[in-house]
Amino acid sequence: MKNLKGFIFDMDGVIVDNHSYHFKAWMDFAKKYDFPLDEKIYRDKFNGKTNADLFRMIFGESISSDRIELYSIEKESNYQKHYEKDMTPLKGLVDFLDFLTSHRFKIALGTSAPTANVDFVLDKLFLRKYFQTIVDGPQVNRGKPDPEVYTRCIKKLGLHPNNCVVFEDSLAGLESGRNAGCHIVGVATSHQAYELKPLTDYIIHDFREARNLLRL
């Protein structure tokens, strides 16, 4: 991965390993509103998508924007309650971000998460200072695997896609980054490495392995 200038990070499952907490909040929601959900459905169909896309998938395309907002607040409040006491960055992340910052690489966050969750993670873990650009769920019209979230990040960074690498844990997110024309690093948190391999250029389990990318 030569000539890298921009490093773009997904949030859930990448800068934090919070998969199980989102899943628990979604399971609570599914039981309350009586729709089928299990680990496989969540990993294959939920992970990486915006709340708006998910609620349309669950309740139908006719759901109102107001109802989407109410459901989103309910689900994310439950997630934050579950996760707050256990919050921690993925191993090696802060050291890697310090390294990128000291070497003047450009850094962005590209996530399907709602703004409230982005604020929750970045501010609670004091990570906001590292990201020159943040594109979250409400800023995009089409969720992953559409490349919009990453093309917006690339444009804001002022770079060419070939000079950017995307870190992603979800299958939809990997497709999104690849569709944007970026190099792709799979983060094996919510999926096994073998599941990510066909869509990636490189796989890491946490960011203690990430500096190797600059030597490839």
N, C-alpha and C. Protein backbone atom coordinates (compact mmCIF):
# COMPACT_ATOMS: atom_id res chain seq x y z
N MET A 1 0.85 -1.20 0.00
CA MET A 1 0.00 0.00 0.00
C MET A 1 0.88 1.25 0.00
N LYS A 2 1.49 1.53 -1.12
CA LYS A 2 2.39 2.67 -1.23
C LYS A 2 1.60 3.96 -1.45
N ASN A 3 2.26 5.07 -1.15
CA ASN A 3 1.71 6.41 -1.40
C ASN A 3 0.42 6.68 -0.63
N LEU A 4 0.28 6.08 0.55
CA LEU A 4 -0.89 6.37 1.37
C LEU A 4 -0.76 7.77 1.99
N LYS A 5 -1.85 8.54 1.89
CA LYS A 5 -1.88 9.88 2.47
C LYS A 5 -3.07 10.06 3.42
N GLY A 6 -4.12 9.26 3.22
CA GLY A 6 -5.32 9.40 4.03
C GLY A 6 -5.73 8.08 4.66
N PHE A 7 -6.11 8.15 5.92
CA PHE A 7 -6.54 6.98 6.67
C PHE A 7 -7.97 7.23 7.15
N ILE A 8 -8.90 6.39 6.69
CA ILE A 8 -10.32 6.58 6.97
C ILE A 8 -10.82 5.41 7.81
N PHE A 9 -11.40 5.73 8.95
CA PHE A 9 -11.82 4.72 9.90
C PHE A 9 -13.34 4.67 10.01
N ASP A 10 -13.90 3.48 9.91
CA ASP A 10 -15.26 3.25 10.39
C ASP A 10 -15.23 3.38 11.92
N MET A 11 -16.37 3.44 12.58
CA MET A 11 -16.37 3.58 14.03
C MET A 11 -16.72 2.27 14.74
N ASP A 12 -17.98 1.82 14.62
CA ASP A 12 -18.41 0.63 15.35
C ASP A 12 -17.68 -0.60 14.84
N GLY A 13 -17.00 -1.30 15.73
CA GLY A 13 -16.25 -2.48 15.35
C GLY A 13 -14.85 -2.19 14.85
N VAL A 14 -14.48 -0.91 14.79
CA VAL A 14 -13.16 -0.53 14.29
C VAL A 14 -12.40 0.28 15.34
N ILE A 15 -12.86 1.47 15.64
CA ILE A 15 -12.15 2.21 16.70
C ILE A 15 -12.60 1.75 18.08
N VAL A 16 -13.79 1.14 18.14
CA VAL A 16 -14.25 0.47 19.37
C VAL A 16 -14.85 -0.87 18.99
N ASP A 17 -14.64 -1.87 19.84
CA ASP A 17 -15.21 -3.19 19.61
C ASP A 17 -16.50 -3.30 20.41
N ASN A 18 -17.57 -2.74 19.86
CA ASN A 18 -18.84 -2.60 20.58
C ASN A 18 -19.95 -3.45 19.98
N HIS A 19 -19.58 -4.41 19.15
CA HIS A 19 -20.56 -5.25 18.44
C HIS A 19 -21.58 -5.86 19.41
N SER A 20 -21.11 -6.45 20.49
CA SER A 20 -22.02 -7.17 21.39
C SER A 20 -23.01 -6.24 22.08
N TYR A 21 -22.62 -4.98 22.28
CA TYR A 21 -23.49 -4.02 22.96
C TYR A 21 -24.58 -3.52 22.01
N HIS A 22 -24.22 -3.29 20.76
CA HIS A 22 -25.25 -2.95 19.76
C HIS A 22 -26.21 -4.12 19.59
N PHE A 23 -25.66 -5.33 19.53
CA PHE A 23 -26.51 -6.50 19.34
C PHE A 23 -27.50 -6.66 20.50
N LYS A 24 -27.03 -6.45 21.71
CA LYS A 24 -27.92 -6.55 22.87
C LYS A 24 -29.03 -5.51 22.79
N ALA A 25 -28.69 -4.27 22.41
CA ALA A 25 -29.70 -3.22 22.29
C ALA A 25 -30.70 -3.56 21.19
N TRP A 26 -30.22 -4.10 20.07
CA TRP A 26 -31.12 -4.48 18.99
C TRP A 26 -32.01 -5.66 19.40
N MET A 27 -31.47 -6.61 20.15
CA MET A 27 -32.28 -7.73 20.61
C MET A 27 -33.40 -7.25 21.54
N ASP A 28 -33.09 -6.31 22.42
CA ASP A 28 -34.12 -5.72 23.27
C ASP A 28 -35.21 -5.08 22.43
N PHE A 29 -34.78 -4.36 21.39
CA PHE A 29 -35.72 -3.67 20.50
C PHE A 29 -36.57 -4.68 19.73
N ALA A 30 -35.92 -5.76 19.25
CA ALA A 30 -36.64 -6.77 18.48
C ALA A 30 -37.70 -7.48 19.32
N LYS A 31 -37.36 -7.75 20.58
CA LYS A 31 -38.34 -8.40 21.46
C LYS A 31 -39.54 -7.48 21.72
N LYS A 32 -39.26 -6.20 21.90
CA LYS A 32 -40.34 -5.25 22.18
C LYS A 32 -41.27 -5.09 20.98
N TYR A 33 -40.69 -5.03 19.77
CA TYR A 33 -41.49 -4.74 18.57
C TYR A 33 -41.75 -5.99 17.72
N ASP A 34 -41.33 -7.15 18.23
CA ASP A 34 -41.72 -8.45 17.68
C ASP A 34 -41.33 -8.63 16.21
N PHE A 35 -40.04 -8.58 15.93
CA PHE A 35 -39.54 -8.95 14.61
C PHE A 35 -38.35 -9.89 14.79
N PRO A 36 -38.09 -10.77 13.81
CA PRO A 36 -37.05 -11.80 13.98
C PRO A 36 -35.64 -11.19 13.93
N LEU A 37 -34.80 -11.62 14.87
CA LEU A 37 -33.42 -11.16 14.89
C LEU A 37 -32.59 -12.18 15.66
N ASP A 38 -31.43 -12.50 15.10
CA ASP A 38 -30.46 -13.31 15.81
C ASP A 38 -29.07 -12.84 15.38
N GLU A 39 -28.04 -13.51 15.88
CA GLU A 39 -26.67 -13.08 15.61
C GLU A 39 -26.35 -13.07 14.11
N LYS A 40 -26.79 -14.08 13.40
CA LYS A 40 -26.49 -14.16 11.96
C LYS A 40 -27.20 -13.05 11.19
N ILE A 41 -28.47 -12.83 11.47
CA ILE A 41 -29.20 -11.75 10.79
C ILE A 41 -28.53 -10.42 11.07
N TYR A 42 -28.15 -10.20 12.33
CA TYR A 42 -27.52 -8.94 12.69
C TYR A 42 -26.21 -8.74 11.93
N ARG A 43 -25.36 -9.76 11.92
CA ARG A 43 -24.06 -9.63 11.26
C ARG A 43 -24.21 -9.45 9.76
N ASP A 44 -25.13 -10.18 9.15
CA ASP A 44 -25.25 -10.19 7.69
C ASP A 44 -26.07 -9.04 7.14
N LYS A 45 -27.09 -8.58 7.91
CA LYS A 45 -28.03 -7.60 7.35
C LYS A 45 -28.07 -6.26 8.07
N PHE A 46 -27.60 -6.21 9.31
CA PHE A 46 -27.69 -4.97 10.09
C PHE A 46 -26.37 -4.22 10.12
N ASN A 47 -25.28 -4.94 10.30
CA ASN A 47 -23.99 -4.32 10.56
C ASN A 47 -23.55 -3.43 9.40
N GLY A 48 -23.26 -2.16 9.71
CA GLY A 48 -22.77 -1.22 8.71
C GLY A 48 -23.82 -0.33 8.09
N LYS A 49 -25.09 -0.60 8.34
CA LYS A 49 -26.17 0.17 7.71
C LYS A 49 -26.64 1.30 8.62
N THR A 50 -27.22 2.33 8.02
CA THR A 50 -27.76 3.44 8.80
C THR A 50 -29.04 3.01 9.50
N ASN A 51 -29.38 3.72 10.58
CA ASN A 51 -30.64 3.44 11.27
C ASN A 51 -31.83 3.63 10.35
N ALA A 52 -31.79 4.66 9.52
CA ALA A 52 -32.92 4.91 8.62
C ALA A 52 -33.15 3.72 7.70
N ASP A 53 -32.06 3.19 7.13
CA ASP A 53 -32.18 2.01 6.26
C ASP A 53 -32.71 0.81 7.04
N LEU A 54 -32.23 0.64 8.27
CA LEU A 54 -32.65 -0.51 9.07
C LEU A 54 -34.12 -0.44 9.45
N PHE A 55 -34.57 0.73 9.87
CA PHE A 55 -35.97 0.84 10.26
C PHE A 55 -36.91 0.70 9.07
N ARG A 56 -36.46 1.14 7.89
CA ARG A 56 -37.26 0.90 6.68
C ARG A 56 -37.30 -0.59 6.35
N MET A 57 -36.19 -1.28 6.56
CA MET A 57 -36.15 -2.72 6.33
C MET A 57 -37.07 -3.46 7.30
N ILE A 58 -37.12 -3.01 8.54
CA ILE A 58 -37.92 -3.69 9.57
C ILE A 58 -39.41 -3.39 9.44
N PHE A 59 -39.72 -2.08 9.29
CA PHE A 59 -41.12 -1.65 9.38
C PHE A 59 -41.74 -1.29 8.03
N GLY A 60 -40.94 -1.30 6.98
CA GLY A 60 -41.47 -0.97 5.66
C GLY A 60 -41.09 0.43 5.21
N GLU A 61 -41.09 0.63 3.90
CA GLU A 61 -40.66 1.89 3.31
C GLU A 61 -41.56 3.06 3.67
N SER A 62 -42.78 2.78 4.11
CA SER A 62 -43.72 3.87 4.40
C SER A 62 -43.52 4.49 5.78
N ILE A 63 -42.59 3.97 6.58
CA ILE A 63 -42.36 4.52 7.91
C ILE A 63 -41.98 6.01 7.81
N SER A 64 -42.49 6.82 8.71
CA SER A 64 -42.25 8.26 8.65
C SER A 64 -40.88 8.61 9.22
N SER A 65 -40.38 9.77 8.83
CA SER A 65 -39.10 10.26 9.36
C SER A 65 -39.18 10.48 10.86
N ASP A 66 -40.33 10.95 11.34
CA ASP A 66 -40.50 11.17 12.78
C ASP A 66 -40.42 9.86 13.54
N ARG A 67 -41.04 8.81 13.00
CA ARG A 67 -41.02 7.52 13.66
C ARG A 67 -39.60 6.93 13.64
N ILE A 68 -38.89 7.11 12.54
CA ILE A 68 -37.49 6.67 12.48
C ILE A 68 -36.67 7.36 13.56
N GLU A 69 -36.88 8.64 13.73
CA GLU A 69 -36.13 9.38 14.74
C GLU A 69 -36.43 8.88 16.14
N LEU A 70 -37.70 8.63 16.44
CA LEU A 70 -38.08 8.14 17.76
C LEU A 70 -37.50 6.75 18.03
N TYR A 71 -37.58 5.86 17.05
CA TYR A 71 -37.01 4.52 17.21
C TYR A 71 -35.49 4.59 17.38
N SER A 72 -34.87 5.48 16.62
CA SER A 72 -33.41 5.61 16.70
C SER A 72 -32.98 6.08 18.09
N ILE A 73 -33.67 7.06 18.62
CA ILE A 73 -33.35 7.55 19.96
C ILE A 73 -33.52 6.44 20.99
N GLU A 74 -34.59 5.68 20.87
CA GLU A 74 -34.86 4.59 21.82
C GLU A 74 -33.76 3.53 21.77
N LYS A 75 -33.44 3.08 20.56
CA LYS A 75 -32.44 2.02 20.43
C LYS A 75 -31.06 2.50 20.87
N GLU A 76 -30.65 3.70 20.44
CA GLU A 76 -29.30 4.17 20.76
C GLU A 76 -29.14 4.54 22.23
N SER A 77 -30.19 5.00 22.86
CA SER A 77 -30.12 5.27 24.30
C SER A 77 -29.88 3.97 25.06
N ASN A 78 -30.53 2.90 24.61
CA ASN A 78 -30.35 1.60 25.23
C ASN A 78 -28.91 1.10 25.01
N TYR A 79 -28.41 1.25 23.78
CA TYR A 79 -27.02 0.87 23.48
C TYR A 79 -26.03 1.61 24.37
N GLN A 80 -26.19 2.93 24.48
CA GLN A 80 -25.26 3.72 25.28
C GLN A 80 -25.29 3.31 26.74
N LYS A 81 -26.47 2.98 27.23
CA LYS A 81 -26.60 2.52 28.62
C LYS A 81 -25.83 1.23 28.83
N HIS A 82 -25.92 0.30 27.87
CA HIS A 82 -25.21 -0.97 27.98
C HIS A 82 -23.69 -0.77 27.90
N TYR A 83 -23.25 0.13 27.02
CA TYR A 83 -21.82 0.20 26.66
C TYR A 83 -21.01 1.16 27.52
N GLU A 84 -21.63 2.16 28.11
CA GLU A 84 -20.87 3.26 28.72
C GLU A 84 -19.85 2.78 29.75
N LYS A 85 -20.20 1.82 30.56
CA LYS A 85 -19.30 1.39 31.64
C LYS A 85 -18.12 0.58 31.13
N ASP A 86 -18.19 0.08 29.90
CA ASP A 86 -17.14 -0.79 29.36
C ASP A 86 -16.35 -0.15 28.21
N MET A 87 -16.56 1.11 27.94
CA MET A 87 -15.96 1.75 26.77
C MET A 87 -14.44 1.74 26.81
N THR A 88 -13.85 1.38 25.66
CA THR A 88 -12.40 1.43 25.52
C THR A 88 -12.06 1.42 24.03
N PRO A 89 -11.00 2.12 23.61
CA PRO A 89 -10.60 2.04 22.20
C PRO A 89 -10.07 0.65 21.88
N LEU A 90 -10.15 0.26 20.61
CA LEU A 90 -9.55 -0.99 20.19
C LEU A 90 -8.05 -0.95 20.47
N LYS A 91 -7.49 -2.07 20.86
CA LYS A 91 -6.08 -2.11 21.26
C LYS A 91 -5.18 -1.52 20.17
N GLY A 92 -4.27 -0.66 20.58
CA GLY A 92 -3.31 -0.05 19.67
C GLY A 92 -3.81 1.16 18.93
N LEU A 93 -5.11 1.48 19.05
CA LEU A 93 -5.67 2.58 18.25
C LEU A 93 -5.02 3.91 18.57
N VAL A 94 -4.96 4.28 19.84
CA VAL A 94 -4.46 5.61 20.19
C VAL A 94 -3.00 5.76 19.77
N ASP A 95 -2.18 4.74 19.97
CA ASP A 95 -0.79 4.82 19.54
C ASP A 95 -0.70 4.99 18.03
N PHE A 96 -1.56 4.28 17.29
CA PHE A 96 -1.54 4.38 15.83
C PHE A 96 -2.00 5.77 15.38
N LEU A 97 -3.03 6.31 16.02
CA LEU A 97 -3.49 7.66 15.67
C LEU A 97 -2.43 8.70 16.01
N ASP A 98 -1.74 8.53 17.12
CA ASP A 98 -0.64 9.44 17.47
C ASP A 98 0.46 9.38 16.40
N PHE A 99 0.75 8.17 15.95
CA PHE A 99 1.77 7.98 14.90
C PHE A 99 1.36 8.68 13.61
N LEU A 100 0.11 8.47 13.18
CA LEU A 100 -0.37 9.10 11.95
C LEU A 100 -0.36 10.61 12.06
N THR A 101 -0.78 11.12 13.21
CA THR A 101 -0.80 12.57 13.42
C THR A 101 0.60 13.15 13.38
N SER A 102 1.54 12.50 14.04
CA SER A 102 2.92 13.02 14.09
C SER A 102 3.58 13.00 12.72
N HIS A 103 3.12 12.11 11.84
CA HIS A 103 3.68 12.04 10.48
C HIS A 103 2.81 12.77 9.47
N ARG A 104 1.86 13.55 9.96
CA ARG A 104 1.04 14.46 9.14
C ARG A 104 0.19 13.77 8.08
N PHE A 105 -0.24 12.54 8.37
CA PHE A 105 -1.23 11.91 7.51
C PHE A 105 -2.60 12.54 7.79
N LYS A 106 -3.47 12.49 6.79
CA LYS A 106 -4.83 12.98 6.96
C LYS A 106 -5.70 11.84 7.49
N ILE A 107 -6.61 12.17 8.43
CA ILE A 107 -7.39 11.14 9.13
C ILE A 107 -8.87 11.54 9.11
N ALA A 108 -9.72 10.57 8.77
CA ALA A 108 -11.17 10.83 8.73
C ALA A 108 -11.91 9.68 9.41
N LEU A 109 -13.12 9.99 9.85
CA LEU A 109 -14.05 8.99 10.37
C LEU A 109 -15.23 8.93 9.41
N GLY A 110 -15.53 7.72 8.92
CA GLY A 110 -16.66 7.53 8.02
C GLY A 110 -17.55 6.42 8.55
N THR A 111 -18.72 6.76 9.06
CA THR A 111 -19.54 5.80 9.78
C THR A 111 -21.02 5.96 9.44
N SER A 112 -21.74 4.86 9.53
CA SER A 112 -23.19 4.89 9.38
C SER A 112 -23.90 5.27 10.67
N ALA A 113 -23.15 5.39 11.75
CA ALA A 113 -23.74 5.66 13.07
C ALA A 113 -24.39 7.03 13.12
N PRO A 114 -25.43 7.19 13.95
CA PRO A 114 -26.03 8.51 14.16
C PRO A 114 -25.06 9.43 14.89
N THR A 115 -25.26 10.72 14.73
CA THR A 115 -24.37 11.72 15.32
C THR A 115 -24.24 11.56 16.83
N ALA A 116 -25.34 11.22 17.51
CA ALA A 116 -25.30 11.08 18.96
C ALA A 116 -24.33 9.98 19.38
N ASN A 117 -24.25 8.89 18.61
CA ASN A 117 -23.31 7.83 18.94
C ASN A 117 -21.88 8.22 18.63
N VAL A 118 -21.68 8.97 17.55
CA VAL A 118 -20.35 9.47 17.24
C VAL A 118 -19.85 10.37 18.36
N ASP A 119 -20.69 11.29 18.80
CA ASP A 119 -20.32 12.17 19.91
C ASP A 119 -20.03 11.37 21.18
N PHE A 120 -20.86 10.39 21.44
CA PHE A 120 -20.72 9.53 22.61
C PHE A 120 -19.36 8.86 22.64
N VAL A 121 -18.95 8.27 21.53
CA VAL A 121 -17.67 7.55 21.48
C VAL A 121 -16.48 8.51 21.44
N LEU A 122 -16.51 9.47 20.54
CA LEU A 122 -15.35 10.34 20.37
C LEU A 122 -15.08 11.20 21.60
N ASP A 123 -16.13 11.68 22.25
CA ASP A 123 -15.94 12.56 23.39
C ASP A 123 -15.66 11.79 24.68
N LYS A 124 -16.32 10.67 24.88
CA LYS A 124 -16.06 9.87 26.08
C LYS A 124 -14.64 9.31 26.09
N LEU A 125 -14.13 8.99 24.89
CA LEU A 125 -12.80 8.39 24.79
C LEU A 125 -11.73 9.40 24.36
N PHE A 126 -12.11 10.68 24.25
CA PHE A 126 -11.16 11.77 23.93
C PHE A 126 -10.43 11.51 22.60
N LEU A 127 -11.18 11.10 21.59
CA LEU A 127 -10.61 10.78 20.29
C LEU A 127 -10.88 11.83 19.21
N ARG A 128 -11.75 12.77 19.49
CA ARG A 128 -12.17 13.71 18.45
C ARG A 128 -11.00 14.49 17.84
N LYS A 129 -10.00 14.79 18.64
CA LYS A 129 -8.88 15.62 18.18
C LYS A 129 -8.12 14.99 17.02
N TYR A 130 -8.24 13.70 16.83
CA TYR A 130 -7.46 13.03 15.79
C TYR A 130 -8.09 13.15 14.40
N PHE A 131 -9.37 13.44 14.32
CA PHE A 131 -10.09 13.34 13.05
C PHE A 131 -10.32 14.72 12.45
N GLN A 132 -9.69 14.94 11.30
CA GLN A 132 -9.87 16.21 10.59
C GLN A 132 -11.23 16.28 9.92
N THR A 133 -11.78 15.12 9.59
CA THR A 133 -13.05 15.05 8.89
C THR A 133 -13.90 13.94 9.52
N ILE A 134 -15.19 14.23 9.72
CA ILE A 134 -16.13 13.23 10.22
C ILE A 134 -17.36 13.24 9.33
N VAL A 135 -17.70 12.08 8.77
CA VAL A 135 -18.94 11.91 8.01
C VAL A 135 -19.72 10.79 8.70
N ASP A 136 -20.93 11.12 9.17
CA ASP A 136 -21.73 10.13 9.89
C ASP A 136 -23.05 9.86 9.16
N GLY A 137 -23.88 9.01 9.75
CA GLY A 137 -25.10 8.55 9.10
C GLY A 137 -26.01 9.63 8.55
N PRO A 138 -26.34 10.66 9.36
CA PRO A 138 -27.26 11.68 8.87
C PRO A 138 -26.72 12.51 7.70
N GLN A 139 -25.41 12.43 7.42
CA GLN A 139 -24.82 13.21 6.34
C GLN A 139 -24.89 12.51 4.98
N VAL A 140 -25.33 11.24 4.97
CA VAL A 140 -25.37 10.51 3.71
C VAL A 140 -26.81 10.14 3.36
N ASN A 141 -27.05 10.04 2.07
CA ASN A 141 -28.37 9.67 1.57
C ASN A 141 -28.49 8.17 1.35
N ARG A 142 -27.35 7.52 1.12
CA ARG A 142 -27.34 6.08 0.81
C ARG A 142 -26.32 5.39 1.73
N GLY A 143 -26.81 4.45 2.52
CA GLY A 143 -25.94 3.74 3.44
C GLY A 143 -25.05 2.71 2.75
N LYS A 144 -24.10 2.18 3.49
CA LYS A 144 -23.22 1.13 2.98
C LYS A 144 -24.07 -0.08 2.57
N PRO A 145 -23.72 -0.77 1.49
CA PRO A 145 -22.46 -0.77 0.75
C PRO A 145 -22.29 0.33 -0.30
N ASP A 146 -23.23 1.24 -0.43
CA ASP A 146 -23.01 2.38 -1.32
C ASP A 146 -21.75 3.12 -0.85
N PRO A 147 -20.93 3.62 -1.76
CA PRO A 147 -19.66 4.26 -1.37
C PRO A 147 -19.79 5.69 -0.85
N GLU A 148 -21.02 6.22 -0.76
CA GLU A 148 -21.17 7.66 -0.48
C GLU A 148 -20.41 8.12 0.75
N VAL A 149 -20.49 7.39 1.86
CA VAL A 149 -19.84 7.85 3.09
C VAL A 149 -18.34 8.02 2.87
N TYR A 150 -17.73 7.13 2.12
CA TYR A 150 -16.29 7.22 1.92
C TYR A 150 -15.91 8.20 0.82
N THR A 151 -16.73 8.32 -0.22
CA THR A 151 -16.43 9.34 -1.23
C THR A 151 -16.52 10.74 -0.62
N ARG A 152 -17.44 10.93 0.32
CA ARG A 152 -17.53 12.22 1.01
C ARG A 152 -16.28 12.47 1.87
N CYS A 153 -15.82 11.44 2.56
CA CYS A 153 -14.58 11.58 3.35
C CYS A 153 -13.40 11.95 2.46
N ILE A 154 -13.25 11.23 1.35
CA ILE A 154 -12.14 11.46 0.43
C ILE A 154 -12.16 12.89 -0.10
N LYS A 155 -13.36 13.35 -0.49
CA LYS A 155 -13.49 14.70 -1.01
C LYS A 155 -13.11 15.73 0.04
N LYS A 156 -13.57 15.53 1.29
CA LYS A 156 -13.25 16.48 2.36
C LYS A 156 -11.77 16.48 2.70
N LEU A 157 -11.12 15.33 2.56
CA LEU A 157 -9.68 15.27 2.80
C LEU A 157 -8.87 15.85 1.64
N GLY A 158 -9.50 16.01 0.48
CA GLY A 158 -8.82 16.56 -0.68
C GLY A 158 -7.83 15.58 -1.30
N LEU A 159 -8.16 14.30 -1.28
CA LEU A 159 -7.25 13.26 -1.76
C LEU A 159 -7.87 12.45 -2.89
N HIS A 160 -7.04 11.65 -3.54
CA HIS A 160 -7.50 10.68 -4.53
C HIS A 160 -7.79 9.37 -3.80
N PRO A 161 -8.82 8.62 -4.22
CA PRO A 161 -9.12 7.35 -3.54
C PRO A 161 -7.94 6.40 -3.45
N ASN A 162 -7.09 6.38 -4.46
CA ASN A 162 -5.95 5.46 -4.47
C ASN A 162 -4.91 5.79 -3.41
N ASN A 163 -5.00 6.99 -2.85
CA ASN A 163 -4.09 7.40 -1.78
C ASN A 163 -4.70 7.22 -0.39
N CYS A 164 -5.87 6.55 -0.34
CA CYS A 164 -6.58 6.39 0.93
C CYS A 164 -6.77 4.91 1.27
N VAL A 165 -6.76 4.63 2.57
CA VAL A 165 -7.07 3.30 3.05
C VAL A 165 -8.25 3.38 4.01
N VAL A 166 -9.17 2.45 3.87
CA VAL A 166 -10.35 2.38 4.72
C VAL A 166 -10.23 1.19 5.67
N PHE A 167 -10.50 1.43 6.94
CA PHE A 167 -10.53 0.37 7.94
C PHE A 167 -11.99 0.04 8.24
N GLU A 168 -12.38 -1.21 8.01
CA GLU A 168 -13.78 -1.62 8.15
C GLU A 168 -13.88 -3.01 8.76
N ASP A 169 -14.96 -3.24 9.51
CA ASP A 169 -15.22 -4.56 10.08
C ASP A 169 -16.40 -5.27 9.44
N SER A 170 -17.31 -4.54 8.82
CA SER A 170 -18.53 -5.15 8.29
C SER A 170 -18.38 -5.45 6.81
N LEU A 171 -19.11 -6.44 6.35
CA LEU A 171 -19.06 -6.80 4.93
C LEU A 171 -19.60 -5.66 4.06
N ALA A 172 -20.69 -5.04 4.50
CA ALA A 172 -21.24 -3.90 3.75
C ALA A 172 -20.24 -2.75 3.71
N GLY A 173 -19.53 -2.54 4.82
CA GLY A 173 -18.54 -1.46 4.87
C GLY A 173 -17.34 -1.73 3.99
N LEU A 174 -16.89 -2.98 3.94
CA LEU A 174 -15.78 -3.33 3.06
C LEU A 174 -16.16 -3.07 1.61
N GLU A 175 -17.37 -3.44 1.24
CA GLU A 175 -17.84 -3.18 -0.12
C GLU A 175 -17.91 -1.69 -0.39
N SER A 176 -18.36 -0.93 0.60
CA SER A 176 -18.46 0.52 0.46
C SER A 176 -17.10 1.14 0.18
N GLY A 177 -16.10 0.75 0.97
CA GLY A 177 -14.76 1.29 0.76
C GLY A 177 -14.18 0.89 -0.58
N ARG A 178 -14.41 -0.36 -0.97
CA ARG A 178 -13.89 -0.81 -2.26
C ARG A 178 -14.62 -0.09 -3.40
N ASN A 179 -15.92 0.08 -3.28
CA ASN A 179 -16.67 0.81 -4.30
C ASN A 179 -16.22 2.26 -4.43
N ALA A 180 -15.65 2.81 -3.34
CA ALA A 180 -15.12 4.18 -3.38
C ALA A 180 -13.75 4.25 -4.01
N GLY A 181 -13.13 3.09 -4.25
CA GLY A 181 -11.83 3.06 -4.92
C GLY A 181 -10.63 3.08 -3.98
N CYS A 182 -10.87 2.82 -2.69
CA CYS A 182 -9.80 2.88 -1.70
C CYS A 182 -9.13 1.52 -1.50
N HIS A 183 -7.95 1.54 -0.87
CA HIS A 183 -7.37 0.32 -0.33
C HIS A 183 -8.22 -0.09 0.88
N ILE A 184 -8.31 -1.39 1.15
CA ILE A 184 -9.23 -1.87 2.18
C ILE A 184 -8.49 -2.72 3.20
N VAL A 185 -8.64 -2.36 4.47
CA VAL A 185 -8.12 -3.16 5.57
C VAL A 185 -9.31 -3.66 6.38
N GLY A 186 -9.43 -4.98 6.49
CA GLY A 186 -10.48 -5.56 7.31
C GLY A 186 -10.03 -5.66 8.75
N VAL A 187 -10.92 -5.29 9.66
CA VAL A 187 -10.65 -5.39 11.09
C VAL A 187 -11.51 -6.54 11.63
N ALA A 188 -10.86 -7.61 12.07
CA ALA A 188 -11.56 -8.84 12.41
C ALA A 188 -12.11 -8.79 13.83
N THR A 189 -13.19 -8.02 13.99
CA THR A 189 -13.87 -7.92 15.28
C THR A 189 -15.25 -8.57 15.20
N SER A 190 -16.10 -8.07 14.32
CA SER A 190 -17.46 -8.62 14.21
C SER A 190 -17.56 -9.77 13.23
N HIS A 191 -16.52 -10.00 12.41
CA HIS A 191 -16.46 -11.14 11.50
C HIS A 191 -15.11 -11.83 11.65
N GLN A 192 -15.07 -13.10 11.29
CA GLN A 192 -13.82 -13.83 11.27
C GLN A 192 -12.97 -13.37 10.08
N ALA A 193 -11.66 -13.51 10.20
CA ALA A 193 -10.75 -13.05 9.16
C ALA A 193 -11.05 -13.70 7.82
N TYR A 194 -11.39 -14.98 7.81
CA TYR A 194 -11.65 -15.66 6.54
C TYR A 194 -12.88 -15.09 5.83
N GLU A 195 -13.83 -14.54 6.59
CA GLU A 195 -15.01 -13.94 5.98
C GLU A 195 -14.66 -12.60 5.31
N LEU A 196 -13.69 -11.89 5.88
CA LEU A 196 -13.29 -10.58 5.37
C LEU A 196 -12.34 -10.68 4.18
N LYS A 197 -11.57 -11.76 4.14
CA LYS A 197 -10.45 -11.85 3.20
C LYS A 197 -10.80 -11.55 1.75
N PRO A 198 -11.93 -12.07 1.20
CA PRO A 198 -12.20 -11.82 -0.22
C PRO A 198 -12.38 -10.34 -0.57
N LEU A 199 -12.70 -9.51 0.43
CA LEU A 199 -13.00 -8.11 0.16
C LEU A 199 -11.89 -7.16 0.61
N THR A 200 -10.76 -7.70 1.06
CA THR A 200 -9.74 -6.85 1.67
C THR A 200 -8.39 -6.98 0.98
N ASP A 201 -7.55 -5.98 1.21
CA ASP A 201 -6.15 -6.05 0.81
C ASP A 201 -5.27 -6.56 1.95
N TYR A 202 -5.76 -6.42 3.18
CA TYR A 202 -4.99 -6.77 4.37
C TYR A 202 -5.97 -6.90 5.52
N ILE A 203 -5.63 -7.72 6.50
CA ILE A 203 -6.50 -7.92 7.65
C ILE A 203 -5.72 -7.72 8.94
N ILE A 204 -6.31 -7.01 9.89
CA ILE A 204 -5.73 -6.87 11.22
C ILE A 204 -6.77 -7.30 12.25
N HIS A 205 -6.31 -7.64 13.43
CA HIS A 205 -7.21 -7.95 14.53
C HIS A 205 -7.34 -6.77 15.49
N ASP A 206 -6.31 -5.95 15.55
CA ASP A 206 -6.37 -4.68 16.27
C ASP A 206 -5.25 -3.80 15.71
N PHE A 207 -5.11 -2.58 16.23
CA PHE A 207 -4.22 -1.62 15.60
C PHE A 207 -2.76 -1.75 16.01
N ARG A 208 -2.44 -2.72 16.85
CA ARG A 208 -1.04 -3.01 17.11
C ARG A 208 -0.36 -3.56 15.86
N GLU A 209 -1.15 -4.06 14.92
CA GLU A 209 -0.63 -4.62 13.67
C GLU A 209 -0.62 -3.60 12.53
N ALA A 210 -1.15 -2.41 12.76
CA ALA A 210 -1.47 -1.51 11.64
C ALA A 210 -0.26 -0.85 11.00
N ARG A 211 0.82 -0.62 11.73
CA ARG A 211 1.97 0.06 11.12
C ARG A 211 2.60 -0.75 10.00
N ASN A 212 2.35 -2.06 10.01
CA ASN A 212 2.87 -2.90 8.91
C ASN A 212 2.35 -2.46 7.56
N LEU A 213 1.20 -1.77 7.56
CA LEU A 213 0.61 -1.33 6.29
C LEU A 213 1.53 -0.39 5.54
N LEU A 214 2.30 0.39 6.27
CA LEU A 214 3.16 1.39 5.64
C LEU A 214 4.42 0.77 5.04
N ARG A 215 4.61 -0.53 5.31
CA ARG A 215 5.78 -1.21 4.76
C ARG A 215 5.41 -2.14 3.61
N LEU A 216 4.11 -2.23 3.29
CA LEU A 216 3.69 -3.13 2.22
C LEU A 216 3.98 -2.55 0.85
